[in-house]
PDB file of N, CA and C in Angstrom:
ATOM      1  N   MET A   1      97.267 -47.991  46.075  1.00  0.00           N
ATOM      2  CA  MET A   1      98.208 -48.705  46.936  1.00  0.00           C
ATOM      3  C   MET A   1      98.481 -47.825  48.157  1.00  0.00           C
ATOM      4  N   ASN A   2      98.573 -48.424  49.324  1.00  0.00           N
ATOM      5  CA  ASN A   2      98.773 -47.629  50.534  1.00  0.00           C
ATOM      6  C   ASN A   2     100.234 -47.231  50.726  1.00  0.00           C
ATOM      7  N   ASP A   3     100.443 -46.291  51.652  1.00  0.00           N
ATOM      8  CA  ASP A   3     101.791 -45.766  51.905  1.00  0.00           C
ATOM      9  C   ASP A   3     102.759 -46.858  52.320  1.00  0.00           C
ATOM     10  N   LEU A   4     102.290 -47.782  53.132  1.00  0.00           N
ATOM     11  CA  LEU A   4     103.162 -48.860  53.605  1.00  0.00           C
ATOM     12  C   LEU A   4     103.675 -49.690  52.432  1.00  0.00           C
ATOM     13  N   ALA A   5     102.776 -50.058  51.529  1.00  0.00           N
ATOM     14  CA  ALA A   5     103.165 -50.890  50.394  1.00  0.00           C
ATOM     15  C   ALA A   5     104.090 -50.144  49.439  1.00  0.00           C
ATOM     16  N   GLN A   6     103.921 -48.835  49.320  1.00  0.00           N
ATOM     17  CA  GLN A   6     104.781 -48.057  48.434  1.00  0.00           C
ATOM     18  C   GLN A   6     106.211 -47.984  48.946  1.00  0.00           C
ATOM     19  N   CYS A   7     106.364 -47.967  50.249  1.00  0.00           N
ATOM     20  CA  CYS A   7     107.690 -47.756  50.840  1.00  0.00           C
ATOM     21  C   CYS A   7     108.429 -49.041  51.185  1.00  0.00           C
ATOM     22  N   TYR A   8     107.705 -50.108  51.429  1.00  0.00           N
ATOM     23  CA  TYR A   8     108.353 -51.296  51.965  1.00  0.00           C
ATOM     24  C   TYR A   8     107.996 -52.543  51.179  1.00  0.00           C
ATOM     25  N   LYS A   9     108.898 -53.491  51.217  1.00  0.00           N
ATOM     26  CA  LYS A   9     108.638 -54.814  50.668  1.00  0.00           C
ATOM     27  C   LYS A   9     108.097 -55.680  51.802  1.00  0.00           C
ATOM     28  N   VAL A  10     107.509 -56.805  51.448  1.00  0.00           N
ATOM     29  CA  VAL A  10     107.027 -57.732  52.462  1.00  0.00           C
ATOM     30  C   VAL A  10     108.225 -58.328  53.181  1.00  0.00           C
ATOM     31  N   GLY A  11     108.185 -58.380  54.491  1.00  0.00           N
ATOM     32  CA  GLY A  11     109.307 -58.933  55.243  1.00  0.00           C
ATOM     33  C   GLY A  11     109.080 -58.861  56.729  1.00  0.00           C
ATOM     34  N   HIS A  12     110.087 -59.233  57.438  1.00  0.00           N
ATOM     35  CA  HIS A  12     109.993 -59.257  58.895  1.00  0.00           C
ATOM     36  C   HIS A  12     111.364 -58.995  59.485  1.00  0.00           C
ATOM     37  N   ILE A  13     111.399 -58.185  60.513  1.00  0.00           N
ATOM     38  CA  ILE A  13     112.635 -57.932  61.247  1.00  0.00           C
ATOM     39  C   ILE A  13     112.333 -58.155  62.716  1.00  0.00           C
ATOM     40  N   SER A  14     113.240 -58.806  63.383  1.00  0.00           N
ATOM     41  CA  SER A  14     113.040 -59.062  64.805  1.00  0.00           C
ATOM     42  C   SER A  14     114.370 -58.953  65.527  1.00  0.00           C
ATOM     43  N   ILE A  15     114.349 -58.328  66.679  1.00  0.00           N
ATOM     44  CA  ILE A  15     115.534 -58.279  67.522  1.00  0.00           C
ATOM     45  C   ILE A  15     115.166 -58.973  68.821  1.00  0.00           C
ATOM     46  N   GLU A  16     115.897 -59.987  69.151  1.00  0.00           N
ATOM     47  CA  GLU A  16     115.602 -60.743  70.357  1.00  0.00           C
ATOM     48  C   GLU A  16     116.865 -60.955  71.164  1.00  0.00           C
ATOM     49  N   GLU A  17     116.681 -61.082  72.453  1.00  0.00           N
ATOM     50  CA  GLU A  17     117.811 -61.339  73.337  1.00  0.00           C
ATOM     51  C   GLU A  17     118.031 -62.850  73.383  1.00  0.00           C
ATOM     52  N   HIS A  18     119.159 -63.295  72.890  1.00  0.00           N
ATOM     53  CA  HIS A  18     119.473 -64.722  72.858  1.00  0.00           C
ATOM     54  C   HIS A  18     120.016 -65.161  74.212  1.00  0.00           C
ATOM     55  N   PRO A  19     119.602 -66.331  74.700  1.00  0.00           N
ATOM     56  CA  PRO A  19     120.073 -66.808  76.008  1.00  0.00           C
ATOM     57  C   PRO A  19     121.591 -66.948  76.110  1.00  0.00           C
ATOM     58  N   GLU A  20     122.275 -67.025  74.976  1.00  0.00           N
ATOM     59  CA  GLU A  20     123.734 -67.133  75.003  1.00  0.00           C
ATOM     60  C   GLU A  20     124.416 -65.769  74.877  1.00  0.00           C
ATOM     61  N   SER A  21     123.629 -64.716  74.769  1.00  0.00           N
ATOM     62  CA  SER A  21     124.223 -63.394  74.584  1.00  0.00           C
ATOM     63  C   SER A  21     124.817 -62.855  75.877  1.00  0.00           C
ATOM     64  N   ARG A  22     125.751 -61.960  75.716  1.00  0.00           N
ATOM     65  CA  ARG A  22     126.393 -61.333  76.871  1.00  0.00           C
ATOM     66  C   ARG A  22     125.357 -60.571  77.705  1.00  0.00           C
ATOM     67  N   LEU A  23     124.461 -59.875  77.034  1.00  0.00           N
ATOM     68  CA  LEU A  23     123.425 -59.116  77.726  1.00  0.00           C
ATOM     69  C   LEU A  23     122.596 -60.025  78.631  1.00  0.00           C
ATOM     70  N   TYR A  24     122.224 -61.164  78.122  1.00  0.00           N
ATOM     71  CA  TYR A  24     121.420 -62.107  78.888  1.00  0.00           C
ATOM     72  C   TYR A  24     122.212 -62.669  80.056  1.00  0.00           C
ATOM     73  N   LYS A  25     123.433 -63.097  79.796  1.00  0.00           N
ATOM     74  CA  LYS A  25     124.244 -63.749  80.827  1.00  0.00           C
ATOM     75  C   LYS A  25     124.658 -62.793  81.939  1.00  0.00           C
ATOM     76  N   GLU A  26     125.045 -61.607  81.573  1.00  0.00           N
ATOM     77  CA  GLU A  26     125.554 -60.673  82.571  1.00  0.00           C
ATOM     78  C   GLU A  26     124.471 -59.749  83.109  1.00  0.00           C
ATOM     79  N   LYS A  27     123.267 -59.892  82.604  1.00  0.00           N
ATOM     80  CA  LYS A  27     122.157 -59.047  83.040  1.00  0.00           C
ATOM     81  C   LYS A  27     122.544 -57.571  82.980  1.00  0.00           C
ATOM     82  N   ALA A  28     123.064 -57.193  81.839  1.00  0.00           N
ATOM     83  CA  ALA A  28     123.516 -55.813  81.641  1.00  0.00           C
ATOM     84  C   ALA A  28     122.371 -54.840  81.911  1.00  0.00           C
ATOM     85  N   TYR A  29     122.690 -53.748  82.512  1.00  0.00           N
ATOM     86  CA  TYR A  29     121.686 -52.740  82.813  1.00  0.00           C
ATOM     87  C   TYR A  29     121.459 -51.862  81.596  1.00  0.00           C
ATOM     88  N   GLN A  30     120.223 -51.520  81.383  1.00  0.00           N
ATOM     89  CA  GLN A  30     119.870 -50.613  80.305  1.00  0.00           C
ATOM     90  C   GLN A  30     119.162 -49.417  80.928  1.00  0.00           C
ATOM     91  N   TYR A  31     119.556 -48.249  80.502  1.00  0.00           N
ATOM     92  CA  TYR A  31     118.950 -47.032  81.015  1.00  0.00           C
ATOM     93  C   TYR A  31     118.195 -46.347  79.894  1.00  0.00           C
ATOM     94  N   GLU A  32     117.013 -45.883  80.201  1.00  0.00           N
ATOM     95  CA  GLU A  32     116.222 -45.150  79.219  1.00  0.00           C
ATOM     96  C   GLU A  32     115.891 -43.783  79.784  1.00  0.00           C
ATOM     97  N   GLU A  33     116.226 -42.779  79.041  1.00  0.00           N
ATOM     98  CA  GLU A  33     115.892 -41.405  79.407  1.00  0.00           C
ATOM     99  C   GLU A  33     115.325 -40.726  78.176  1.00  0.00           C
ATOM    100  N   TYR A  34     114.330 -39.896  78.371  1.00  0.00           N
ATOM    101  CA  TYR A  34     113.684 -39.208  77.264  1.00  0.00           C
ATOM    102  C   TYR A  34     113.593 -37.718  77.556  1.00  0.00           C
ATOM    103  N   ALA A  35     113.704 -36.933  76.512  1.00  0.00           N
ATOM    104  CA  ALA A  35     113.490 -35.492  76.644  1.00  0.00           C
ATOM    105  C   ALA A  35     112.026 -35.258  77.010  1.00  0.00           C
ATOM    106  N   PRO A  36     111.735 -34.199  77.741  1.00  0.00           N
ATOM    107  CA  PRO A  36     110.341 -33.920  78.113  1.00  0.00           C
ATOM    108  C   PRO A  36     109.415 -33.832  76.891  1.00  0.00           C
ATOM    109  N   GLN A  37     109.953 -33.408  75.753  1.00  0.00           N
ATOM    110  CA  GLN A  37     109.148 -33.290  74.530  1.00  0.00           C
ATOM    111  C   GLN A  37     108.908 -34.642  73.855  1.00  0.00           C
ATOM    112  N   SER A  38     109.524 -35.699  74.355  1.00  0.00           N
ATOM    113  CA  SER A  38     109.458 -37.009  73.685  1.00  0.00           C
ATOM    114  C   SER A  38     108.606 -38.019  74.445  1.00  0.00           C
ATOM    115  N   SER A  39     107.476 -37.582  74.946  1.00  0.00           N
ATOM    116  CA  SER A  39     106.635 -38.469  75.761  1.00  0.00           C
ATOM    117  C   SER A  39     106.112 -39.680  74.989  1.00  0.00           C
ATOM    118  N   GLU A  40     106.052 -39.597  73.677  1.00  0.00           N
ATOM    119  CA  GLU A  40     105.535 -40.711  72.872  1.00  0.00           C
ATOM    120  C   GLU A  40     106.628 -41.646  72.356  1.00  0.00           C
ATOM    121  N   LYS A  41     107.881 -41.271  72.538  1.00  0.00           N
ATOM    122  CA  LYS A  41     108.983 -42.089  72.030  1.00  0.00           C
ATOM    123  C   LYS A  41     108.992 -43.448  72.735  1.00  0.00           C
ATOM    124  N   ASN A  42     109.020 -44.509  71.953  1.00  0.00           N
ATOM    125  CA  ASN A  42     109.046 -45.892  72.461  1.00  0.00           C
ATOM    126  C   ASN A  42     107.867 -46.211  73.374  1.00  0.00           C
ATOM    127  N   LYS A  43     106.781 -45.448  73.236  1.00  0.00           N
ATOM    128  CA  LYS A  43     105.628 -45.653  74.114  1.00  0.00           C
ATOM    129  C   LYS A  43     105.056 -47.060  73.980  1.00  0.00           C
ATOM    130  N   LEU A  44     104.959 -47.535  72.769  1.00  0.00           N
ATOM    131  CA  LEU A  44     104.418 -48.878  72.564  1.00  0.00           C
ATOM    132  C   LEU A  44     105.247 -49.903  73.343  1.00  0.00           C
ATOM    133  N   TYR A  45     106.551 -49.812  73.230  1.00  0.00           N
ATOM    134  CA  TYR A  45     107.447 -50.731  73.936  1.00  0.00           C
ATOM    135  C   TYR A  45     107.302 -50.571  75.446  1.00  0.00           C
ATOM    136  N   ARG A  46     107.269 -49.328  75.903  1.00  0.00           N
ATOM    137  CA  ARG A  46     107.158 -49.098  77.341  1.00  0.00           C
ATOM    138  C   ARG A  46     105.822 -49.592  77.878  1.00  0.00           C
ATOM    139  N   ASP A  47     104.753 -49.418  77.087  1.00  0.00           N
ATOM    140  CA  ASP A  47     103.450 -49.953  77.490  1.00  0.00           C
ATOM    141  C   ASP A  47     103.505 -51.472  77.609  1.00  0.00           C
ATOM    142  N   LEU A  48     104.149 -52.120  76.640  1.00  0.00           N
ATOM    143  CA  LEU A  48     104.285 -53.580  76.701  1.00  0.00           C
ATOM    144  C   LEU A  48     105.052 -54.012  77.942  1.00  0.00           C
ATOM    145  N   GLN A  49     106.109 -53.288  78.253  1.00  0.00           N
ATOM    146  CA  GLN A  49     106.912 -53.613  79.438  1.00  0.00           C
ATOM    147  C   GLN A  49     106.083 -53.512  80.713  1.00  0.00           C
ATOM    148  N   SER A  50     105.111 -52.614  80.718  1.00  0.00           N
ATOM    149  CA  SER A  50     104.279 -52.448  81.911  1.00  0.00           C
ATOM    150  C   SER A  50     103.035 -53.334  81.868  1.00  0.00           C
ATOM    151  N   GLY A  51     102.920 -54.180  80.838  1.00  0.00           N
ATOM    152  CA  GLY A  51     101.816 -55.136  80.769  1.00  0.00           C
ATOM    153  C   GLY A  51     100.613 -54.682  79.959  1.00  0.00           C
ATOM    154  N   ASP A  52     100.687 -53.533  79.315  1.00  0.00           N
ATOM    155  CA  ASP A  52      99.571 -53.025  78.516  1.00  0.00           C
ATOM    156  C   ASP A  52      99.863 -53.264  77.036  1.00  0.00           C
ATOM    157  N   ASN A  53      99.131 -54.183  76.412  1.00  0.00           N
ATOM    158  CA  ASN A  53      99.387 -54.503  75.003  1.00  0.00           C
ATOM    159  C   ASN A  53      98.373 -53.858  74.053  1.00  0.00           C
ATOM    160  N   THR A  54      97.547 -52.954  74.548  1.00  0.00           N
ATOM    161  CA  THR A  54      96.494 -52.345  73.735  1.00  0.00           C
ATOM    162  C   THR A  54      97.041 -51.651  72.496  1.00  0.00           C
ATOM    163  N   SER A  55      97.997 -50.750  72.667  1.00  0.00           N
ATOM    164  CA  SER A  55      98.508 -50.021  71.498  1.00  0.00           C
ATOM    165  C   SER A  55      99.294 -50.940  70.572  1.00  0.00           C
ATOM    166  N   ALA A  56      99.958 -51.949  71.114  1.00  0.00           N
ATOM    167  CA  ALA A  56     100.677 -52.907  70.264  1.00  0.00           C
ATOM    168  C   ALA A  56      99.686 -53.679  69.395  1.00  0.00           C
ATOM    169  N   GLN A  57      98.581 -54.121  69.984  1.00  0.00           N
ATOM    170  CA  GLN A  57      97.568 -54.853  69.222  1.00  0.00           C
ATOM    171  C   GLN A  57      96.970 -53.973  68.124  1.00  0.00           C
ATOM    172  N   GLU A  58      96.711 -52.708  68.443  1.00  0.00           N
ATOM    173  CA  GLU A  58      96.168 -51.785  67.440  1.00  0.00           C
ATOM    174  C   GLU A  58      97.161 -51.591  66.298  1.00  0.00           C
ATOM    175  N   HIS A  59      98.418 -51.411  66.640  1.00  0.00           N
ATOM    176  CA  HIS A  59      99.469 -51.217  65.636  1.00  0.00           C
ATOM    177  C   HIS A  59      99.620 -52.468  64.765  1.00  0.00           C
ATOM    178  N   LEU A  60      99.665 -53.626  65.395  1.00  0.00           N
ATOM    179  CA  LEU A  60      99.807 -54.881  64.651  1.00  0.00           C
ATOM    180  C   LEU A  60      98.605 -55.136  63.756  1.00  0.00           C
ATOM    181  N   SER A  61      97.422 -54.753  64.209  1.00  0.00           N
ATOM    182  CA  SER A  61      96.218 -54.931  63.409  1.00  0.00           C
ATOM    183  C   SER A  61      96.285 -54.103  62.125  1.00  0.00           C
ATOM    184  N   VAL A  62      96.763 -52.868  62.229  1.00  0.00           N
ATOM    185  CA  VAL A  62      96.918 -52.011  61.047  1.00  0.00           C
ATOM    186  C   VAL A  62      97.935 -52.623  60.083  1.00  0.00           C
ATOM    187  N   LEU A  63      99.070 -53.088  60.624  1.00  0.00           N
ATOM    188  CA  LEU A  63     100.089 -53.713  59.771  1.00  0.00           C
ATOM    189  C   LEU A  63      99.538 -54.961  59.083  1.00  0.00           C
ATOM    190  N   ALA A  64      98.805 -55.792  59.819  1.00  0.00           N
ATOM    191  CA  ALA A  64      98.239 -57.015  59.241  1.00  0.00           C
ATOM    192  C   ALA A  64      97.230 -56.675  58.147  1.00  0.00           C
ATOM    193  N   ASP A  65      96.356 -55.698  58.407  1.00  0.00           N
ATOM    194  CA  ASP A  65      95.379 -55.296  57.389  1.00  0.00           C
ATOM    195  C   ASP A  65      96.072 -54.787  56.131  1.00  0.00           C
ATOM    196  N   ASN A  66      97.112 -53.970  56.298  1.00  0.00           N
ATOM    197  CA  ASN A  66      97.860 -53.469  55.139  1.00  0.00           C
ATOM    198  C   ASN A  66      98.509 -54.610  54.367  1.00  0.00           C
ATOM    199  N   PHE A  67      99.091 -55.567  55.084  1.00  0.00           N
ATOM    200  CA  PHE A  67      99.724 -56.715  54.437  1.00  0.00           C
ATOM    201  C   PHE A  67      98.689 -57.523  53.650  1.00  0.00           C
ATOM    202  N   ILE A  68      97.567 -57.825  54.278  1.00  0.00           N
ATOM    203  CA  ILE A  68      96.523 -58.625  53.624  1.00  0.00           C
ATOM    204  C   ILE A  68      95.998 -57.907  52.384  1.00  0.00           C
ATOM    205  N   ASN A  69      95.711 -56.623  52.510  1.00  0.00           N
ATOM    206  CA  ASN A  69      95.199 -55.862  51.362  1.00  0.00           C
ATOM    207  C   ASN A  69      96.213 -55.791  50.227  1.00  0.00           C
ATOM    208  N   THR A  70      97.487 -55.648  50.567  1.00  0.00           N
ATOM    209  CA  THR A  70      98.533 -55.616  49.546  1.00  0.00           C
ATOM    210  C   THR A  70      98.643 -56.972  48.852  1.00  0.00           C
ATOM    211  N   MET A  71      98.604 -58.048  49.629  1.00  0.00           N
ATOM    212  CA  MET A  71      98.666 -59.394  49.038  1.00  0.00           C
ATOM    213  C   MET A  71      97.478 -59.625  48.109  1.00  0.00           C
ATOM    214  N   LYS A  72      96.295 -59.233  48.528  1.00  0.00           N
ATOM    215  CA  LYS A  72      95.103 -59.418  47.694  1.00  0.00           C
ATOM    216  C   LYS A  72      95.194 -58.595  46.408  1.00  0.00           C
ATOM    217  N   ALA A  73      95.767 -57.399  46.509  1.00  0.00           N
ATOM    218  CA  ALA A  73      95.879 -56.534  45.329  1.00  0.00           C
ATOM    219  C   ALA A  73      96.903 -57.063  44.332  1.00  0.00           C
ATOM    220  N   TYR A  74      98.017 -57.569  44.815  1.00  0.00           N
ATOM    221  CA  TYR A  74      99.101 -57.993  43.927  1.00  0.00           C
ATOM    222  C   TYR A  74      99.111 -59.490  43.629  1.00  0.00           C
ATOM    223  N   ARG A  75      98.362 -60.258  44.383  1.00  0.00           N
ATOM    224  CA  ARG A  75      98.279 -61.697  44.130  1.00  0.00           C
ATOM    225  C   ARG A  75      96.809 -62.119  44.203  1.00  0.00           C
ATOM    226  N   PRO A  76      95.989 -61.623  43.248  1.00  0.00           N
ATOM    227  CA  PRO A  76      94.555 -61.929  43.292  1.00  0.00           C
ATOM    228  C   PRO A  76      94.257 -63.419  43.138  1.00  0.00           C
ATOM    229  N   GLN A  77      95.245 -64.183  42.707  1.00  0.00           N
ATOM    230  CA  GLN A  77      95.052 -65.623  42.525  1.00  0.00           C
ATOM    231  C   GLN A  77      95.089 -66.398  43.847  1.00  0.00           C
ATOM    232  N   ILE A  78      95.390 -65.737  44.950  1.00  0.00           N
ATOM    233  CA  ILE A  78      95.450 -66.439  46.239  1.00  0.00           C
ATOM    234  C   ILE A  78      94.074 -66.995  46.573  1.00  0.00           C
ATOM    235  N   LYS A  79      94.052 -68.280  46.902  1.00  0.00           N
ATOM    236  CA  LYS A  79      92.816 -68.951  47.304  1.00  0.00           C
ATOM    237  C   LYS A  79      92.716 -68.872  48.824  1.00  0.00           C
ATOM    238  N   ASP A  80      91.662 -68.223  49.312  1.00  0.00           N
ATOM    239  CA  ASP A  80      91.487 -68.075  50.757  1.00  0.00           C
ATOM    240  C   ASP A  80      90.977 -69.390  51.336  1.00  0.00           C
ATOM    241  N   ASP A  81      91.862 -70.097  52.013  1.00  0.00           N
ATOM    242  CA  ASP A  81      91.513 -71.385  52.615  1.00  0.00           C
ATOM    243  C   ASP A  81      91.187 -71.231  54.102  1.00  0.00           C
ATOM    244  N   GLU A  82      90.802 -70.028  54.504  1.00  0.00           N
ATOM    245  CA  GLU A  82      90.493 -69.692  55.897  1.00  0.00           C
ATOM    246  C   GLU A  82      91.731 -69.651  56.787  1.00  0.00           C
ATOM    247  N   LYS A  83      92.911 -69.889  56.230  1.00  0.00           N
ATOM    248  CA  LYS A  83      94.150 -69.840  57.004  1.00  0.00           C
ATOM    249  C   LYS A  83      95.161 -68.876  56.399  1.00  0.00           C
ATOM    250  N   VAL A  84      95.112 -68.723  55.089  1.00  0.00           N
ATOM    251  CA  VAL A  84      96.167 -68.004  54.367  1.00  0.00           C
ATOM    252  C   VAL A  84      96.326 -66.557  54.835  1.00  0.00           C
ATOM    253  N   PHE A  85      95.243 -65.910  55.234  1.00  0.00           N
ATOM    254  CA  PHE A  85      95.345 -64.528  55.703  1.00  0.00           C
ATOM    255  C   PHE A  85      95.331 -64.435  57.228  1.00  0.00           C
ATOM    256  N   LYS A  86      95.597 -65.550  57.871  1.00  0.00           N
ATOM    257  CA  LYS A  86      95.636 -65.572  59.337  1.00  0.00           C
ATOM    258  C   LYS A  86      97.009 -65.974  59.859  1.00  0.00           C
ATOM    259  N   GLY A  87      98.015 -65.946  58.993  1.00  0.00           N
ATOM    260  CA  GLY A  87      99.382 -66.210  59.438  1.00  0.00           C
ATOM    261  C   GLY A  87      99.838 -67.647  59.312  1.00  0.00           C
ATOM    262  N   ALA A  88      99.096 -68.473  58.585  1.00  0.00           N
ATOM    263  CA  ALA A  88      99.494 -69.874  58.425  1.00  0.00           C
ATOM    264  C   ALA A  88     100.828 -69.979  57.687  1.00  0.00           C
ATOM    265  N   VAL A  89     101.569 -71.011  58.007  1.00  0.00           N
ATOM    266  CA  VAL A  89     102.844 -71.292  57.341  1.00  0.00           C
ATOM    267  C   VAL A  89     102.620 -72.480  56.413  1.00  0.00           C
ATOM    268  N   TYR A  90     103.106 -72.362  55.183  1.00  0.00           N
ATOM    269  CA  TYR A  90     102.881 -73.398  54.185  1.00  0.00           C
ATOM    270  C   TYR A  90     104.188 -73.987  53.681  1.00  0.00           C
ATOM    271  N   ALA A  91     104.181 -75.287  53.456  1.00  0.00           N
ATOM    272  CA  ALA A  91     105.280 -75.954  52.758  1.00  0.00           C
ATOM    273  C   ALA A  91     105.178 -75.523  51.290  1.00  0.00           C
ATOM    274  N   PRO A  92     106.266 -75.629  50.539  1.00  0.00           N
ATOM    275  CA  PRO A  92     106.262 -75.127  49.155  1.00  0.00           C
ATOM    276  C   PRO A  92     105.096 -75.614  48.288  1.00  0.00           C
ATOM    277  N   LYS A  93     104.788 -76.899  48.297  1.00  0.00           N
ATOM    278  CA  LYS A  93     103.718 -77.409  47.425  1.00  0.00           C
ATOM    279  C   LYS A  93     102.364 -76.797  47.782  1.00  0.00           C
ATOM    280  N   LYS A  94     102.090 -76.672  49.075  1.00  0.00           N
ATOM    281  CA  LYS A  94     100.822 -76.077  49.507  1.00  0.00           C
ATOM    282  C   LYS A  94     100.801 -74.580  49.192  1.00  0.00           C
ATOM    283  N   ALA A  95     101.947 -73.901  49.338  1.00  0.00           N
ATOM    284  CA  ALA A  95     102.035 -72.475  49.004  1.00  0.00           C
ATOM    285  C   ALA A  95     101.729 -72.258  47.520  1.00  0.00           C
ATOM    286  N   LEU A  96     102.204 -73.154  46.682  1.00  0.00           N
ATOM    287  CA  LEU A  96     101.926 -73.099  45.249  1.00  0.00           C
ATOM    288  C   LEU A  96     100.432 -73.325  44.993  1.00  0.00           C
ATOM    289  N   GLU A  97      99.865 -74.297  45.695  1.00  0.00           N
ATOM    290  CA  GLU A  97      98.446 -74.638  45.569  1.00  0.00           C
ATOM    291  C   GLU A  97      97.536 -73.449  45.871  1.00  0.00           C
ATOM    292  N   VAL A  98      97.845 -72.713  46.932  1.00  0.00           N
ATOM    293  CA  VAL A  98      96.975 -71.599  47.321  1.00  0.00           C
ATOM    294  C   VAL A  98      97.344 -70.288  46.631  1.00  0.00           C
ATOM    295  N   GLY A  99      98.408 -70.292  45.828  1.00  0.00           N
ATOM    296  CA  GLY A  99      98.758 -69.111  45.048  1.00  0.00           C
ATOM    297  C   GLY A  99      99.689 -68.125  45.729  1.00  0.00           C
ATOM    298  N   LEU A 100     100.359 -68.549  46.786  1.00  0.00           N
ATOM    299  CA  LEU A 100     101.306 -67.658  47.463  1.00  0.00           C
ATOM    300  C   LEU A 100     102.615 -67.524  46.695  1.00  0.00           C
ATOM    301  N   ILE A 101     102.957 -68.538  45.919  1.00  0.00           N
ATOM    302  CA  ILE A 101     104.178 -68.518  45.113  1.00  0.00           C
ATOM    303  C   ILE A 101     103.824 -68.904  43.683  1.00  0.00           C
ATOM    304  N   ASP A 102     104.704 -68.575  42.743  1.00  0.00           N
ATOM    305  CA  ASP A 102     104.443 -68.853  41.333  1.00  0.00           C
ATOM    306  C   ASP A 102     104.978 -70.202  40.881  1.00  0.00           C
ATOM    307  N   GLU A 103     106.105 -70.609  41.445  1.00  0.00           N
ATOM    308  CA  GLU A 103     106.677 -71.900  41.073  1.00  0.00           C
ATOM    309  C   GLU A 103     107.699 -72.337  42.108  1.00  0.00           C
ATOM    310  N   ILE A 104     108.087 -73.595  42.002  1.00  0.00           N
ATOM    311  CA  ILE A 104     109.113 -74.167  42.874  1.00  0.00           C
ATOM    312  C   ILE A 104     110.297 -74.507  41.991  1.00  0.00           C
ATOM    313  N   MET A 105     111.479 -74.012  42.372  1.00  0.00           N
ATOM    314  CA  MET A 105     112.674 -74.226  41.561  1.00  0.00           C
ATOM    315  C   MET A 105     113.848 -74.609  42.453  1.00  0.00           C
ATOM    316  N   THR A 106     114.803 -75.277  41.849  1.00  0.00           N
ATOM    317  CA  THR A 106     116.054 -75.548  42.556  1.00  0.00           C
ATOM    318  C   THR A 106     116.935 -74.308  42.449  1.00  0.00           C
ATOM    319  N   LEU A 107     117.964 -74.242  43.273  1.00  0.00           N
ATOM    320  CA  LEU A 107     118.903 -73.127  43.199  1.00  0.00           C
ATOM    321  C   LEU A 107     119.532 -73.066  41.808  1.00  0.00           C
ATOM    322  N   GLU A 108     119.866 -74.213  41.259  1.00  0.00           N
ATOM    323  CA  GLU A 108     120.470 -74.261  39.923  1.00  0.00           C
ATOM    324  C   GLU A 108     119.521 -73.684  38.872  1.00  0.00           C
ATOM    325  N   GLN A 109     118.251 -74.027  38.949  1.00  0.00           N
ATOM    326  CA  GLN A 109     117.273 -73.494  37.996  1.00  0.00           C
ATOM    327  C   GLN A 109     117.164 -71.972  38.109  1.00  0.00           C
ATOM    328  N   ILE A 110     117.173 -71.489  39.330  1.00  0.00           N
ATOM    329  CA  ILE A 110     117.087 -70.041  39.541  1.00  0.00           C
ATOM    330  C   ILE A 110     118.307 -69.348  38.947  1.00  0.00           C
ATOM    331  N   LEU A 111     119.494 -69.884  39.230  1.00  0.00           N
ATOM    332  CA  LEU A 111     120.726 -69.277  38.728  1.00  0.00           C
ATOM    333  C   LEU A 111     120.788 -69.300  37.207  1.00  0.00           C
ATOM    334  N   ASN A 112     120.227 -70.327  36.592  1.00  0.00           N
ATOM    335  CA  ASN A 112     120.219 -70.424  35.131  1.00  0.00           C
ATOM    336  C   ASN A 112     119.310 -69.385  34.482  1.00  0.00           C
ATOM    337  N   GLU A 113     118.424 -68.791  35.250  1.00  0.00           N
ATOM    338  CA  GLU A 113     117.531 -67.764  34.707  1.00  0.00           C
ATOM    339  C   GLU A 113     118.233 -66.422  34.550  1.00  0.00           C
ATOM    340  N   PHE A 114     119.405 -66.285  35.132  1.00  0.00           N
ATOM    341  CA  PHE A 114     120.116 -64.996  35.079  1.00  0.00           C
ATOM    342  C   PHE A 114     121.182 -64.995  34.036  1.00  0.00           C
TER     343      PHE A 114
END
C-alpha cells in the first residue's frame, strides 16, 4: 500500500471563493510574502495564477494514479466500464452495479446496524 493510502482516507477538500462572500464583494486585498528560503512554498498555486498548469497536472496525475491503485487494491470487484476510473459520477444503483458500493440502505437501516 502506498504512503498516501496509509495516511489518508478517500475524500475531497475544496476551498472556493463564493460570490456572496465578503472577500468577493469587497475585493479584499491579499498579500503574499515568502522568506528567501521558501522559493517552493505555494509554487503550484503561484504557477496556476500565472497561467502555468504543468506542475498542477503532474501533481493531480500522481494523486489520481494513487487513488485508482488504492481502489483496485481494496475493491477488486469494481467492474471497469471505461468510465469508473476516469471520474464518472454514479447514481446509487449504478454504483452498486459496478462495485463502487456494497449496498444501498435507508438512514433507518444504517442506524439499526449500530
